[in-house]
């Protein structure tokens, strides 16, 4: 197993930046930011 492992491939240097983050599906602003008839709220209530 050791001999086989020594012969195994090295990682490609170009992959060093892979997997820092998992891809997110949220890429676009969606929904209504200022819906008609909406009321103003404080930040604490929005949270």
ModelCIF file with pLDDT and N, C-alpha, C, O atoms, coordinates in Angstrom:
data_MODEL
#
_entry.id   MODEL 
#
_entity.id                         1 
_entity.type                       polymer 
_entity.pdbx_number_of_molecules   1 
#
_entity_poly.entity_id                      1 
_entity_poly.type                           'polypeptide(L)' 
_entity_poly.nstd_linkage                   no 
_entity_poly.nstd_monomer                   no 
_entity_poly.pdbx_seq_one_letter_code       
;(UNK)(UNK)(UNK)(UNK)(UNK)(UNK)(UNK)(UNK)(UNK)(UNK)(UNK)(UNK)(UNK)(UNK)(UNK)(UNK)
(UNK)(UNK)(UNK)(UNK)(UNK)(UNK)(UNK)(UNK)(UNK)(UNK)(UNK)(UNK)(UNK)(UNK)(UNK)(UNK)
(UNK)(UNK)(UNK)(UNK)(UNK)(UNK)(UNK)(UNK)(UNK)(UNK)(UNK)(UNK)(UNK)(UNK)(UNK)
;
_entity_poly.pdbx_seq_one_letter_code_can   XXXXXXXXXXXXXXXXXXXXXXXXXXXXXXXXXXXXXXXXXXXXXXX 
_entity_poly.pdbx_strand_id                 A 
#
loop_
_entity_poly_seq.entity_id 
_entity_poly_seq.num 
_entity_poly_seq.mon_id 
_entity_poly_seq.hetero 
1 1  UNK n 
1 2  UNK n 
1 3  UNK n 
1 4  UNK n 
1 5  UNK n 
1 6  UNK n 
1 7  UNK n 
1 8  UNK n 
1 9  UNK n 
1 10 UNK n 
1 11 UNK n 
1 12 UNK n 
1 13 UNK n 
1 14 UNK n 
1 15 UNK n 
1 16 UNK n 
1 17 UNK n 
1 18 UNK n 
1 19 UNK n 
1 20 UNK n 
1 21 UNK n 
1 22 UNK n 
1 23 UNK n 
1 24 UNK n 
1 25 UNK n 
1 26 UNK n 
1 27 UNK n 
1 28 UNK n 
1 29 UNK n 
1 30 UNK n 
1 31 UNK n 
1 32 UNK n 
1 33 UNK n 
1 34 UNK n 
1 35 UNK n 
1 36 UNK n 
1 37 UNK n 
1 38 UNK n 
1 39 UNK n 
1 40 UNK n 
1 41 UNK n 
1 42 UNK n 
1 43 UNK n 
1 44 UNK n 
1 45 UNK n 
1 46 UNK n 
1 47 UNK n 
#
_struct_asym.id          A 
_struct_asym.entity_id   1 
#
loop_
_ma_qa_metric.id 
_ma_qa_metric.mode 
_ma_qa_metric.name 
_ma_qa_metric.software_group_id 
_ma_qa_metric.type 
1 global pLDDT . pLDDT 
2 local  pLDDT . pLDDT 
#
_ma_qa_metric_global.metric_id      1 
_ma_qa_metric_global.metric_value   96.55 
_ma_qa_metric_global.model_id       1 
_ma_qa_metric_global.ordinal_id     1 
#
loop_
_ma_qa_metric_local.label_asym_id 
_ma_qa_metric_local.label_comp_id 
_ma_qa_metric_local.label_seq_id 
_ma_qa_metric_local.metric_id 
_ma_qa_metric_local.metric_value 
_ma_qa_metric_local.model_id 
_ma_qa_metric_local.ordinal_id 
A UNK 1  2 98.00 1 1  
A UNK 2  2 98.00 1 2  
A UNK 3  2 98.00 1 3  
A UNK 4  2 98.00 1 4  
A UNK 5  2 98.00 1 5  
A UNK 6  2 97.00 1 6  
A UNK 7  2 98.00 1 7  
A UNK 8  2 98.00 1 8  
A UNK 9  2 98.00 1 9  
A UNK 10 2 97.00 1 10 
A UNK 11 2 97.00 1 11 
A UNK 12 2 97.00 1 12 
A UNK 13 2 97.00 1 13 
A UNK 14 2 96.00 1 14 
A UNK 15 2 97.00 1 15 
A UNK 16 2 98.00 1 16 
A UNK 17 2 97.00 1 17 
A UNK 18 2 97.00 1 18 
A UNK 19 2 98.00 1 19 
A UNK 20 2 98.00 1 20 
A UNK 21 2 98.00 1 21 
A UNK 22 2 98.00 1 22 
A UNK 23 2 97.00 1 23 
A UNK 24 2 97.00 1 24 
A UNK 25 2 95.00 1 25 
A UNK 26 2 97.00 1 26 
A UNK 27 2 96.00 1 27 
A UNK 28 2 97.00 1 28 
A UNK 29 2 98.00 1 29 
A UNK 30 2 98.00 1 30 
A UNK 31 2 97.00 1 31 
A UNK 32 2 97.00 1 32 
A UNK 33 2 97.00 1 33 
A UNK 34 2 96.00 1 34 
A UNK 35 2 96.00 1 35 
A UNK 36 2 93.00 1 36 
A UNK 37 2 90.00 1 37 
A UNK 38 2 92.00 1 38 
A UNK 39 2 94.00 1 39 
A UNK 40 2 96.00 1 40 
A UNK 41 2 97.00 1 41 
A UNK 42 2 96.00 1 42 
A UNK 43 2 96.00 1 43 
A UNK 44 2 95.00 1 44 
A UNK 45 2 94.00 1 45 
A UNK 46 2 96.00 1 46 
A UNK 47 2 95.00 1 47 
#
loop_
_atom_site.group_PDB 
_atom_site.id 
_atom_site.type_symbol 
_atom_site.label_atom_id 
_atom_site.label_alt_id 
_atom_site.label_comp_id 
_atom_site.label_asym_id 
_atom_site.label_entity_id 
_atom_site.label_seq_id 
_atom_site.pdbx_PDB_ins_code 
_atom_site.Cartn_x 
_atom_site.Cartn_y 
_atom_site.Cartn_z 
_atom_site.occupancy 
_atom_site.B_iso_or_equiv 
_atom_site.pdbx_formal_charge 
_atom_site.auth_seq_id 
_atom_site.auth_comp_id 
_atom_site.auth_asym_id 
_atom_site.auth_atom_id 
_atom_site.pdbx_PDB_model_num 
ATOM 1   N N  . UNK A 1 1  ? 0.825   -1.204 0.000  1.00 98.00 ? 1  UNK A N  1 
ATOM 2   C CA . UNK A 1 1  ? 0.000   0.000  0.000  1.00 98.00 ? 1  UNK A CA 1 
ATOM 3   C C  . UNK A 1 1  ? 0.863   1.259  0.000  1.00 98.00 ? 1  UNK A C  1 
ATOM 4   O O  . UNK A 1 1  ? 0.528   2.257  -0.637 1.00 98.00 ? 1  UNK A O  1 
ATOM 5   N N  . UNK A 1 2  ? 1.970   1.195  0.719  1.00 98.00 ? 2  UNK A N  1 
ATOM 6   C CA . UNK A 1 2  ? 2.865   2.355  0.774  1.00 98.00 ? 2  UNK A CA 1 
ATOM 7   C C  . UNK A 1 2  ? 3.487   2.624  -0.594 1.00 98.00 ? 2  UNK A C  1 
ATOM 8   O O  . UNK A 1 2  ? 3.566   3.772  -1.032 1.00 98.00 ? 2  UNK A O  1 
ATOM 9   N N  . UNK A 1 3  ? 3.922   1.573  -1.256 1.00 98.00 ? 3  UNK A N  1 
ATOM 10  C CA . UNK A 1 3  ? 4.497   1.725  -2.594 1.00 98.00 ? 3  UNK A CA 1 
ATOM 11  C C  . UNK A 1 3  ? 3.457   2.297  -3.557 1.00 98.00 ? 3  UNK A C  1 
ATOM 12  O O  . UNK A 1 3  ? 3.758   3.173  -4.367 1.00 98.00 ? 3  UNK A O  1 
ATOM 13  N N  . UNK A 1 4  ? 2.232   1.785  -3.455 1.00 98.00 ? 4  UNK A N  1 
ATOM 14  C CA . UNK A 1 4  ? 1.154   2.277  -4.308 1.00 98.00 ? 4  UNK A CA 1 
ATOM 15  C C  . UNK A 1 4  ? 0.851   3.744  -3.998 1.00 98.00 ? 4  UNK A C  1 
ATOM 16  O O  . UNK A 1 4  ? 0.633   4.542  -4.910 1.00 98.00 ? 4  UNK A O  1 
ATOM 17  N N  . UNK A 1 5  ? 0.837   4.098  -2.706 1.00 98.00 ? 5  UNK A N  1 
ATOM 18  C CA . UNK A 1 5  ? 0.548   5.480  -2.313 1.00 98.00 ? 5  UNK A CA 1 
ATOM 19  C C  . UNK A 1 5  ? 1.644   6.429  -2.790 1.00 98.00 ? 5  UNK A C  1 
ATOM 20  O O  . UNK A 1 5  ? 1.357   7.558  -3.188 1.00 98.00 ? 5  UNK A O  1 
ATOM 21  N N  . UNK A 1 6  ? 2.898   5.978  -2.755 1.00 97.00 ? 6  UNK A N  1 
ATOM 22  C CA . UNK A 1 6  ? 3.987   6.832  -3.231 1.00 97.00 ? 6  UNK A CA 1 
ATOM 23  C C  . UNK A 1 6  ? 3.848   7.134  -4.717 1.00 97.00 ? 6  UNK A C  1 
ATOM 24  O O  . UNK A 1 6  ? 4.239   8.205  -5.181 1.00 97.00 ? 6  UNK A O  1 
ATOM 25  N N  . UNK A 1 7  ? 3.293   6.190  -5.453 1.00 98.00 ? 7  UNK A N  1 
ATOM 26  C CA . UNK A 1 7  ? 3.138   6.371  -6.895 1.00 98.00 ? 7  UNK A CA 1 
ATOM 27  C C  . UNK A 1 7  ? 1.863   7.136  -7.261 1.00 98.00 ? 7  UNK A C  1 
ATOM 28  O O  . UNK A 1 7  ? 1.674   7.517  -8.417 1.00 98.00 ? 7  UNK A O  1 
ATOM 29  N N  . UNK A 1 8  ? 1.005   7.354  -6.291 1.00 98.00 ? 8  UNK A N  1 
ATOM 30  C CA . UNK A 1 8  ? -0.260  8.033  -6.567 1.00 98.00 ? 8  UNK A CA 1 
ATOM 31  C C  . UNK A 1 8  ? -0.023  9.477  -6.992 1.00 98.00 ? 8  UNK A C  1 
ATOM 32  O O  . UNK A 1 8  ? 1.021   10.059 -6.695 1.00 98.00 ? 8  UNK A O  1 
ATOM 33  N N  . UNK A 1 9  ? -0.998  10.046 -7.687 1.00 98.00 ? 9  UNK A N  1 
ATOM 34  C CA . UNK A 1 9  ? -0.865  11.396 -8.221 1.00 98.00 ? 9  UNK A CA 1 
ATOM 35  C C  . UNK A 1 9  ? -0.811  12.453 -7.121 1.00 98.00 ? 9  UNK A C  1 
ATOM 36  O O  . UNK A 1 9  ? -1.435  12.323 -6.068 1.00 98.00 ? 9  UNK A O  1 
ATOM 37  N N  . UNK A 1 10 ? -0.043  13.498 -7.403 1.00 97.00 ? 10 UNK A N  1 
ATOM 38  C CA . UNK A 1 10 ? -0.017  14.665 -6.534 1.00 97.00 ? 10 UNK A CA 1 
ATOM 39  C C  . UNK A 1 10 ? -1.215  15.561 -6.884 1.00 97.00 ? 10 UNK A C  1 
ATOM 40  O O  . UNK A 1 10 ? -1.705  15.519 -8.012 1.00 97.00 ? 10 UNK A O  1 
ATOM 41  N N  . UNK A 1 11 ? -1.685  16.362 -5.935 1.00 97.00 ? 11 UNK A N  1 
ATOM 42  C CA . UNK A 1 11 ? -2.756  17.315 -6.272 1.00 97.00 ? 11 UNK A CA 1 
ATOM 43  C C  . UNK A 1 11 ? -2.258  18.322 -7.309 1.00 97.00 ? 11 UNK A C  1 
ATOM 44  O O  . UNK A 1 11 ? -1.079  18.677 -7.322 1.00 97.00 ? 11 UNK A O  1 
ATOM 45  N N  . UNK A 1 12 ? -3.141  18.767 -8.157 1.00 97.00 ? 12 UNK A N  1 
ATOM 46  C CA . UNK A 1 12 ? -2.789  19.810 -9.120 1.00 97.00 ? 12 UNK A CA 1 
ATOM 47  C C  . UNK A 1 12 ? -2.695  21.142 -8.381 1.00 97.00 ? 12 UNK A C  1 
ATOM 48  O O  . UNK A 1 12 ? -3.651  21.526 -7.707 1.00 97.00 ? 12 UNK A O  1 
ATOM 49  N N  . UNK A 1 13 ? -1.583  21.856 -8.483 1.00 97.00 ? 13 UNK A N  1 
ATOM 50  C CA . UNK A 1 13 ? -1.449  23.136 -7.769 1.00 97.00 ? 13 UNK A CA 1 
ATOM 51  C C  . UNK A 1 13 ? -2.596  24.101 -8.053 1.00 97.00 ? 13 UNK A C  1 
ATOM 52  O O  . UNK A 1 13 ? -2.975  24.899 -7.196 1.00 97.00 ? 13 UNK A O  1 
ATOM 53  N N  . UNK A 1 14 ? -3.141  24.019 -9.260 1.00 96.00 ? 14 UNK A N  1 
ATOM 54  C CA . UNK A 1 14 ? -4.224  24.927 -9.621 1.00 96.00 ? 14 UNK A CA 1 
ATOM 55  C C  . UNK A 1 14 ? -5.510  24.708 -8.851 1.00 96.00 ? 14 UNK A C  1 
ATOM 56  O O  . UNK A 1 14 ? -6.405  25.553 -8.887 1.00 96.00 ? 14 UNK A O  1 
ATOM 57  N N  . UNK A 1 15 ? -5.617  23.573 -8.146 1.00 97.00 ? 15 UNK A N  1 
ATOM 58  C CA . UNK A 1 15 ? -6.827  23.300 -7.363 1.00 97.00 ? 15 UNK A CA 1 
ATOM 59  C C  . UNK A 1 15 ? -6.741  23.868 -5.949 1.00 97.00 ? 15 UNK A C  1 
ATOM 60  O O  . UNK A 1 15 ? -7.653  23.678 -5.144 1.00 97.00 ? 15 UNK A O  1 
ATOM 61  N N  . UNK A 1 16 ? -5.650  24.561 -5.648 1.00 98.00 ? 16 UNK A N  1 
ATOM 62  C CA . UNK A 1 16 ? -5.430  25.025 -4.277 1.00 98.00 ? 16 UNK A CA 1 
ATOM 63  C C  . UNK A 1 16 ? -6.531  25.962 -3.793 1.00 98.00 ? 16 UNK A C  1 
ATOM 64  O O  . UNK A 1 16 ? -6.771  26.060 -2.589 1.00 98.00 ? 16 UNK A O  1 
ATOM 65  N N  . UNK A 1 17 ? -7.200  26.649 -4.712 1.00 97.00 ? 17 UNK A N  1 
ATOM 66  C CA . UNK A 1 17 ? -8.260  27.579 -4.297 1.00 97.00 ? 17 UNK A CA 1 
ATOM 67  C C  . UNK A 1 17 ? -9.648  26.950 -4.301 1.00 97.00 ? 17 UNK A C  1 
ATOM 68  O O  . UNK A 1 17 ? -10.629 27.632 -4.009 1.00 97.00 ? 17 UNK A O  1 
ATOM 69  N N  . UNK A 1 18 ? -9.750  25.672 -4.623 1.00 97.00 ? 18 UNK A N  1 
ATOM 70  C CA . UNK A 1 18 ? -11.054 25.004 -4.622 1.00 97.00 ? 18 UNK A CA 1 
ATOM 71  C C  . UNK A 1 18 ? -11.567 24.828 -3.196 1.00 97.00 ? 18 UNK A C  1 
ATOM 72  O O  . UNK A 1 18 ? -10.791 24.607 -2.267 1.00 97.00 ? 18 UNK A O  1 
ATOM 73  N N  . UNK A 1 19 ? -12.885 24.930 -3.037 1.00 98.00 ? 19 UNK A N  1 
ATOM 74  C CA . UNK A 1 19 ? -13.586 24.575 -1.796 1.00 98.00 ? 19 UNK A CA 1 
ATOM 75  C C  . UNK A 1 19 ? -13.338 25.536 -0.631 1.00 98.00 ? 19 UNK A C  1 
ATOM 76  O O  . UNK A 1 19 ? -13.535 25.163 0.525  1.00 98.00 ? 19 UNK A O  1 
ATOM 77  N N  . UNK A 1 20 ? -12.912 26.756 -0.918 1.00 98.00 ? 20 UNK A N  1 
ATOM 78  C CA . UNK A 1 20 ? -12.866 27.743 0.169  1.00 98.00 ? 20 UNK A CA 1 
ATOM 79  C C  . UNK A 1 20 ? -14.283 27.980 0.686  1.00 98.00 ? 20 UNK A C  1 
ATOM 80  O O  . UNK A 1 20 ? -14.518 28.070 1.891  1.00 98.00 ? 20 UNK A O  1 
ATOM 81  N N  . UNK A 1 21 ? -15.217 28.078 -0.256 1.00 98.00 ? 21 UNK A N  1 
ATOM 82  C CA . UNK A 1 21 ? -16.633 28.180 0.070  1.00 98.00 ? 21 UNK A CA 1 
ATOM 83  C C  . UNK A 1 21 ? -17.410 27.182 -0.777 1.00 98.00 ? 21 UNK A C  1 
ATOM 84  O O  . UNK A 1 21 ? -16.977 26.811 -1.867 1.00 98.00 ? 21 UNK A O  1 
ATOM 85  N N  . UNK A 1 22 ? -18.545 26.756 -0.274 1.00 98.00 ? 22 UNK A N  1 
ATOM 86  C CA . UNK A 1 22 ? -19.493 26.002 -1.088 1.00 98.00 ? 22 UNK A CA 1 
ATOM 87  C C  . UNK A 1 22 ? -20.294 26.991 -1.925 1.00 98.00 ? 22 UNK A C  1 
ATOM 88  O O  . UNK A 1 22 ? -20.580 28.092 -1.457 1.00 98.00 ? 22 UNK A O  1 
ATOM 89  N N  . UNK A 1 23 ? -20.658 26.632 -3.139 1.00 97.00 ? 23 UNK A N  1 
ATOM 90  C CA . UNK A 1 23 ? -21.410 27.571 -3.986 1.00 97.00 ? 23 UNK A CA 1 
ATOM 91  C C  . UNK A 1 23 ? -22.761 27.915 -3.367 1.00 97.00 ? 23 UNK A C  1 
ATOM 92  O O  . UNK A 1 23 ? -23.451 27.051 -2.826 1.00 97.00 ? 23 UNK A O  1 
ATOM 93  N N  . UNK A 1 24 ? -23.119 29.172 -3.456 1.00 97.00 ? 24 UNK A N  1 
ATOM 94  C CA . UNK A 1 24 ? -24.433 29.595 -2.968 1.00 97.00 ? 24 UNK A CA 1 
ATOM 95  C C  . UNK A 1 24 ? -25.401 29.721 -4.136 1.00 97.00 ? 24 UNK A C  1 
ATOM 96  O O  . UNK A 1 24 ? -25.005 30.076 -5.246 1.00 97.00 ? 24 UNK A O  1 
ATOM 97  N N  . UNK A 1 25 ? -26.658 29.430 -3.883 1.00 95.00 ? 25 UNK A N  1 
ATOM 98  C CA . UNK A 1 25 ? -27.695 29.537 -4.908 1.00 95.00 ? 25 UNK A CA 1 
ATOM 99  C C  . UNK A 1 25 ? -28.260 30.960 -4.978 1.00 95.00 ? 25 UNK A C  1 
ATOM 100 O O  . UNK A 1 25 ? -28.969 31.303 -5.924 1.00 95.00 ? 25 UNK A O  1 
ATOM 101 N N  . UNK A 1 26 ? -27.943 31.782 -3.975 1.00 97.00 ? 26 UNK A N  1 
ATOM 102 C CA . UNK A 1 26 ? -28.483 33.142 -3.938 1.00 97.00 ? 26 UNK A CA 1 
ATOM 103 C C  . UNK A 1 26 ? -27.537 34.070 -4.685 1.00 97.00 ? 26 UNK A C  1 
ATOM 104 O O  . UNK A 1 26 ? -26.501 34.467 -4.152 1.00 97.00 ? 26 UNK A O  1 
ATOM 105 N N  . UNK A 1 27 ? -27.886 34.413 -5.900 1.00 96.00 ? 27 UNK A N  1 
ATOM 106 C CA . UNK A 1 27 ? -27.034 35.270 -6.727 1.00 96.00 ? 27 UNK A CA 1 
ATOM 107 C C  . UNK A 1 27 ? -27.762 36.507 -7.245 1.00 96.00 ? 27 UNK A C  1 
ATOM 108 O O  . UNK A 1 27 ? -27.127 37.425 -7.763 1.00 96.00 ? 27 UNK A O  1 
ATOM 109 N N  . UNK A 1 28 ? -29.088 36.539 -7.110 1.00 97.00 ? 28 UNK A N  1 
ATOM 110 C CA . UNK A 1 28 ? -29.865 37.669 -7.609 1.00 97.00 ? 28 UNK A CA 1 
ATOM 111 C C  . UNK A 1 28 ? -30.812 38.182 -6.535 1.00 97.00 ? 28 UNK A C  1 
ATOM 112 O O  . UNK A 1 28 ? -31.311 37.420 -5.707 1.00 97.00 ? 28 UNK A O  1 
ATOM 113 N N  . UNK A 1 29 ? -31.047 39.475 -6.563 1.00 98.00 ? 29 UNK A N  1 
ATOM 114 C CA . UNK A 1 29 ? -32.027 40.073 -5.661 1.00 98.00 ? 29 UNK A CA 1 
ATOM 115 C C  . UNK A 1 29 ? -33.423 39.648 -6.107 1.00 98.00 ? 29 UNK A C  1 
ATOM 116 O O  . UNK A 1 29 ? -33.793 39.830 -7.267 1.00 98.00 ? 29 UNK A O  1 
ATOM 117 N N  . UNK A 1 30 ? -34.177 39.094 -5.201 1.00 98.00 ? 30 UNK A N  1 
ATOM 118 C CA . UNK A 1 30 ? -35.525 38.615 -5.527 1.00 98.00 ? 30 UNK A CA 1 
ATOM 119 C C  . UNK A 1 30 ? -36.519 39.137 -4.503 1.00 98.00 ? 30 UNK A C  1 
ATOM 120 O O  . UNK A 1 30 ? -36.139 39.582 -3.420 1.00 98.00 ? 30 UNK A O  1 
ATOM 121 N N  . UNK A 1 31 ? -37.803 39.075 -4.861 1.00 97.00 ? 31 UNK A N  1 
ATOM 122 C CA . UNK A 1 31 ? -38.851 39.550 -3.975 1.00 97.00 ? 31 UNK A CA 1 
ATOM 123 C C  . UNK A 1 31 ? -39.044 41.057 -4.098 1.00 97.00 ? 31 UNK A C  1 
ATOM 124 O O  . UNK A 1 31 ? -38.357 41.726 -4.870 1.00 97.00 ? 31 UNK A O  1 
ATOM 125 N N  . UNK A 1 32 ? -39.983 41.572 -3.330 1.00 97.00 ? 32 UNK A N  1 
ATOM 126 C CA . UNK A 1 32 ? -40.316 42.999 -3.365 1.00 97.00 ? 32 UNK A CA 1 
ATOM 127 C C  . UNK A 1 32 ? -39.625 43.724 -2.216 1.00 97.00 ? 32 UNK A C  1 
ATOM 128 O O  . UNK A 1 32 ? -39.886 43.451 -1.045 1.00 97.00 ? 32 UNK A O  1 
ATOM 129 N N  . UNK A 1 33 ? -38.741 44.650 -2.570 1.00 97.00 ? 33 UNK A N  1 
ATOM 130 C CA . UNK A 1 33 ? -38.041 45.419 -1.532 1.00 97.00 ? 33 UNK A CA 1 
ATOM 131 C C  . UNK A 1 33 ? -38.960 46.465 -0.907 1.00 97.00 ? 33 UNK A C  1 
ATOM 132 O O  . UNK A 1 33 ? -38.917 46.691 0.302  1.00 97.00 ? 33 UNK A O  1 
ATOM 133 N N  . UNK A 1 34 ? -39.784 47.098 -1.728 1.00 96.00 ? 34 UNK A N  1 
ATOM 134 C CA . UNK A 1 34 ? -40.703 48.126 -1.215 1.00 96.00 ? 34 UNK A CA 1 
ATOM 135 C C  . UNK A 1 34 ? -42.115 47.822 -1.703 1.00 96.00 ? 34 UNK A C  1 
ATOM 136 O O  . UNK A 1 34 ? -42.606 48.487 -2.615 1.00 96.00 ? 34 UNK A O  1 
ATOM 137 N N  . UNK A 1 35 ? -42.767 46.840 -1.117 1.00 96.00 ? 35 UNK A N  1 
ATOM 138 C CA . UNK A 1 35 ? -44.105 46.450 -1.577 1.00 96.00 ? 35 UNK A CA 1 
ATOM 139 C C  . UNK A 1 35 ? -45.111 47.583 -1.386 1.00 96.00 ? 35 UNK A C  1 
ATOM 140 O O  . UNK A 1 35 ? -45.015 48.365 -0.440 1.00 96.00 ? 35 UNK A O  1 
ATOM 141 N N  . UNK A 1 36 ? -46.066 47.653 -2.290 1.00 93.00 ? 36 UNK A N  1 
ATOM 142 C CA . UNK A 1 36 ? -47.108 48.684 -2.211 1.00 93.00 ? 36 UNK A CA 1 
ATOM 143 C C  . UNK A 1 36 ? -47.874 48.531 -0.897 1.00 93.00 ? 36 UNK A C  1 
ATOM 144 O O  . UNK A 1 36 ? -48.254 47.427 -0.505 1.00 93.00 ? 36 UNK A O  1 
ATOM 145 N N  . UNK A 1 37 ? -48.085 49.638 -0.243 1.00 90.00 ? 37 UNK A N  1 
ATOM 146 C CA . UNK A 1 37 ? -48.828 49.613 1.016  1.00 90.00 ? 37 UNK A CA 1 
ATOM 147 C C  . UNK A 1 37 ? -48.013 49.163 2.199  1.00 90.00 ? 37 UNK A C  1 
ATOM 148 O O  . UNK A 1 37 ? -48.550 49.019 3.298  1.00 90.00 ? 37 UNK A O  1 
ATOM 149 N N  . UNK A 1 38 ? -46.717 48.933 2.004  1.00 92.00 ? 38 UNK A N  1 
ATOM 150 C CA . UNK A 1 38 ? -45.873 48.487 3.103  1.00 92.00 ? 38 UNK A CA 1 
ATOM 151 C C  . UNK A 1 38 ? -45.651 49.570 4.134  1.00 92.00 ? 38 UNK A C  1 
ATOM 152 O O  . UNK A 1 38 ? -45.761 50.759 3.833  1.00 92.00 ? 38 UNK A O  1 
ATOM 153 N N  . UNK A 1 39 ? -45.338 49.158 5.355  1.00 94.00 ? 39 UNK A N  1 
ATOM 154 C CA . UNK A 1 39 ? -45.103 50.100 6.438  1.00 94.00 ? 39 UNK A CA 1 
ATOM 155 C C  . UNK A 1 39 ? -43.627 50.135 6.795  1.00 94.00 ? 39 UNK A C  1 
ATOM 156 O O  . UNK A 1 39 ? -42.906 49.148 6.645  1.00 94.00 ? 39 UNK A O  1 
ATOM 157 N N  . UNK A 1 40 ? -43.199 51.294 7.270  1.00 96.00 ? 40 UNK A N  1 
ATOM 158 C CA . UNK A 1 40 ? -41.819 51.412 7.703  1.00 96.00 ? 40 UNK A CA 1 
ATOM 159 C C  . UNK A 1 40 ? -41.600 50.646 9.006  1.00 96.00 ? 40 UNK A C  1 
ATOM 160 O O  . UNK A 1 40 ? -42.452 50.639 9.894  1.00 96.00 ? 40 UNK A O  1 
ATOM 161 N N  . UNK A 1 41 ? -40.431 50.000 9.095  1.00 97.00 ? 41 UNK A N  1 
ATOM 162 C CA . UNK A 1 41 ? -40.085 49.268 10.315 1.00 97.00 ? 41 UNK A CA 1 
ATOM 163 C C  . UNK A 1 41 ? -38.672 49.648 10.727 1.00 97.00 ? 41 UNK A C  1 
ATOM 164 O O  . UNK A 1 41 ? -37.873 50.124 9.920  1.00 97.00 ? 41 UNK A O  1 
ATOM 165 N N  . UNK A 1 42 ? -38.390 49.428 11.992 1.00 96.00 ? 42 UNK A N  1 
ATOM 166 C CA . UNK A 1 42 ? -37.039 49.642 12.487 1.00 96.00 ? 42 UNK A CA 1 
ATOM 167 C C  . UNK A 1 42 ? -36.172 48.436 12.124 1.00 96.00 ? 42 UNK A C  1 
ATOM 168 O O  . UNK A 1 42 ? -36.684 47.355 11.833 1.00 96.00 ? 42 UNK A O  1 
ATOM 169 N N  . UNK A 1 43 ? -34.869 48.635 12.144 1.00 96.00 ? 43 UNK A N  1 
ATOM 170 C CA . UNK A 1 43 ? -33.946 47.548 11.806 1.00 96.00 ? 43 UNK A CA 1 
ATOM 171 C C  . UNK A 1 43 ? -34.126 46.350 12.732 1.00 96.00 ? 43 UNK A C  1 
ATOM 172 O O  . UNK A 1 43 ? -34.084 45.204 12.285 1.00 96.00 ? 43 UNK A O  1 
ATOM 173 N N  . UNK A 1 44 ? -34.321 46.611 13.998 1.00 95.00 ? 44 UNK A N  1 
ATOM 174 C CA . UNK A 1 44 ? -34.436 45.506 14.944 1.00 95.00 ? 44 UNK A CA 1 
ATOM 175 C C  . UNK A 1 44 ? -35.660 44.651 14.631 1.00 95.00 ? 44 UNK A C  1 
ATOM 176 O O  . UNK A 1 44 ? -35.629 43.431 14.792 1.00 95.00 ? 44 UNK A O  1 
ATOM 177 N N  . UNK A 1 45 ? -36.749 45.300 14.178 1.00 94.00 ? 45 UNK A N  1 
ATOM 178 C CA . UNK A 1 45 ? -37.952 44.548 13.828 1.00 94.00 ? 45 UNK A CA 1 
ATOM 179 C C  . UNK A 1 45 ? -37.780 43.815 12.505 1.00 94.00 ? 45 UNK A C  1 
ATOM 180 O O  . UNK A 1 45 ? -38.299 42.713 12.328 1.00 94.00 ? 45 UNK A O  1 
ATOM 181 N N  . UNK A 1 46 ? -37.050 44.429 11.577 1.00 96.00 ? 46 UNK A N  1 
ATOM 182 C CA . UNK A 1 46 ? -36.788 43.746 10.312 1.00 96.00 ? 46 UNK A CA 1 
ATOM 183 C C  . UNK A 1 46 ? -36.004 42.457 10.548 1.00 96.00 ? 46 UNK A C  1 
ATOM 184 O O  . UNK A 1 46 ? -36.262 41.436 9.910  1.00 96.00 ? 46 UNK A O  1 
ATOM 185 N N  . UNK A 1 47 ? -35.042 42.516 11.475 1.00 95.00 ? 47 UNK A N  1 
ATOM 186 C CA . UNK A 1 47 ? -34.268 41.321 11.810 1.00 95.00 ? 47 UNK A CA 1 
ATOM 187 C C  . UNK A 1 47 ? -35.161 40.265 12.451 1.00 95.00 ? 47 UNK A C  1 
ATOM 188 O O  . UNK A 1 47 ? -34.687 39.186 12.803 1.00 95.00 ? 47 UNK A O  1 
#
